[in-house]
Amino acid sequence: MFFLILSFVAVAIPYGLERLYFARKFGFFAALFWLFVFQSSIMFVGEIILENRVGQSLPSWIKSLGLAIGVFAYLTIGMTSFAAVVAALGFGTVIAASWFLRKLGENSN
């Protein structure tokens, strides 16, 4: 559970900064955030269906398909948050460098 909370925070912070700093309603980090929410929802719904009594009455091929989708969602959750952190660091570096160079140019005049 700590992994999911940490992944959610890693995806939500760049999304929040994008909404506040760039005033964009939907951008790159919004897409990553909503992809993460979709993956988490798929994983939790699949787990609930497979582990509760509903899953006991399903055919085995449906259980296997649900397990495969859940595993895929769980694996990509980590990749989504990692991609968000790497992209946020890259974009933050570019923004900080452009700000620094702009200030340096203003001070030299």
Protein backbone atom coordinates (compact mmCIF):
# COMPACT_ATOMS: atom_id res chain seq x y z
CA MET A 1 0.00 0.00 0.00
CA PHE A 2 2.92 2.35 0.71
CA PHE A 3 4.11 1.77 -2.87
CA LEU A 4 0.74 2.87 -4.26
CA ILE A 5 0.59 5.97 -2.06
CA LEU A 6 4.15 6.94 -2.99
CA SER A 7 3.40 6.34 -6.68
CA PHE A 8 0.24 8.45 -6.43
CA VAL A 9 2.20 11.31 -4.86
CA ALA A 10 4.93 10.99 -7.51
CA VAL A 11 2.32 11.34 -10.26
CA ALA A 12 0.12 13.96 -8.53
CA ILE A 13 2.83 16.53 -7.74
CA PRO A 14 3.85 17.19 -11.38
CA TYR A 15 0.17 17.23 -12.37
CA GLY A 16 -0.60 19.84 -9.70
CA LEU A 17 2.39 21.95 -10.68
CA GLU A 18 1.31 21.79 -14.31
CA ARG A 19 -2.17 22.97 -13.39
CA LEU A 20 -0.90 25.83 -11.21
CA TYR A 21 2.24 26.99 -13.02
CA PHE A 22 1.17 26.59 -16.65
CA ALA A 23 -2.59 27.00 -16.06
CA ARG A 24 -3.30 24.12 -18.42
CA LYS A 25 -6.31 21.95 -17.82
CA PHE A 26 -4.95 18.96 -19.71
CA GLY A 27 -1.31 18.40 -20.56
CA PHE A 28 1.36 15.73 -20.43
CA PHE A 29 1.28 15.26 -16.66
CA ALA A 30 -2.51 15.25 -16.62
CA ALA A 31 -2.41 12.36 -19.08
CA LEU A 32 0.07 10.49 -16.87
CA PHE A 33 -2.02 11.19 -13.77
CA TRP A 34 -5.28 9.94 -15.28
CA LEU A 35 -3.50 6.93 -16.78
CA PHE A 36 -2.26 6.11 -13.27
CA VAL A 37 -5.79 6.49 -11.84
CA PHE A 38 -7.17 4.22 -14.57
CA GLN A 39 -4.50 1.58 -13.92
CA SER A 40 -5.11 1.67 -10.17
CA SER A 41 -8.85 1.33 -10.69
CA ILE A 42 -8.40 -1.65 -13.01
CA MET A 43 -6.11 -3.29 -10.49
CA PHE A 44 -8.39 -2.78 -7.50
CA VAL A 45 -11.58 -3.80 -9.32
CA GLY A 46 -9.87 -6.90 -10.70
CA GLU A 47 -8.55 -7.82 -7.27
CA ILE A 48 -11.95 -7.37 -5.65
CA ILE A 49 -13.68 -9.47 -8.30
CA LEU A 50 -11.11 -12.26 -8.23
CA GLU A 51 -10.67 -12.51 -4.47
CA ASN A 52 -14.27 -12.22 -3.35
CA ARG A 53 -17.06 -14.71 -3.89
CA VAL A 54 -17.87 -13.22 -7.28
CA GLY A 55 -14.63 -14.63 -8.63
CA GLN A 56 -15.36 -18.14 -7.36
CA SER A 57 -18.27 -18.58 -9.77
CA LEU A 58 -16.40 -17.34 -12.84
CA PRO A 59 -14.84 -19.72 -15.37
CA SER A 60 -11.11 -20.25 -15.02
CA TRP A 61 -10.24 -18.49 -18.30
CA ILE A 62 -11.94 -15.30 -17.06
CA LYS A 63 -10.02 -15.55 -13.79
CA SER A 64 -6.75 -15.96 -15.71
CA LEU A 65 -7.57 -13.00 -17.95
CA GLY A 66 -8.44 -10.86 -14.92
CA LEU A 67 -5.23 -11.88 -13.19
CA ALA A 68 -3.17 -11.01 -16.29
CA ILE A 69 -4.81 -7.57 -16.59
CA GLY A 70 -4.24 -6.95 -12.87
CA VAL A 71 -0.58 -7.93 -13.10
CA PHE A 72 -0.09 -5.72 -16.17
CA ALA A 73 -1.74 -2.78 -14.38
CA TYR A 74 0.42 -3.31 -11.28
CA LEU A 75 3.64 -3.41 -13.31
CA THR A 76 2.81 -0.32 -15.33
CA ILE A 77 1.86 1.68 -12.23
CA GLY A 78 5.52 1.77 -11.25
CA MET A 79 6.58 2.73 -14.76
CA THR A 80 4.01 5.54 -14.96
CA SER A 81 5.16 7.18 -11.73
CA PHE A 82 8.82 6.76 -12.73
CA ALA A 83 8.14 8.40 -16.11
CA ALA A 84 6.33 11.27 -14.38
CA VAL A 85 9.24 11.89 -12.00
CA VAL A 86 11.86 11.76 -14.77
CA ALA A 87 9.82 14.06 -17.03
CA ALA A 88 9.16 16.48 -14.16
CA LEU A 89 12.86 16.65 -13.34
CA GLY A 90 13.66 17.28 -17.00
CA PHE A 91 11.02 19.97 -17.43
CA GLY A 92 11.99 21.55 -14.11
CA THR A 93 15.63 21.69 -15.15
CA VAL A 94 14.74 23.37 -18.45
CA ILE A 95 12.49 25.90 -16.70
CA ALA A 96 15.14 26.68 -14.06
CA ALA A 97 17.88 27.02 -16.69
CA SER A 98 15.78 29.36 -18.84
CA TRP A 99 14.92 31.47 -15.78
CA PHE A 100 18.58 31.60 -14.72
CA LEU A 101 19.76 32.55 -18.21
CA ARG A 102 17.06 35.22 -18.49
CA LYS A 103 18.11 36.73 -15.13
CA LEU A 104 21.76 36.55 -16.14
CA GLY A 105 20.96 38.40 -19.38
CA GLU A 106 18.98 41.08 -17.52
CA ASN A 107 21.80 41.68 -15.02
CA SER A 108 24.49 41.97 -17.70
CA ASN A 109 22.73 44.92 -19.35
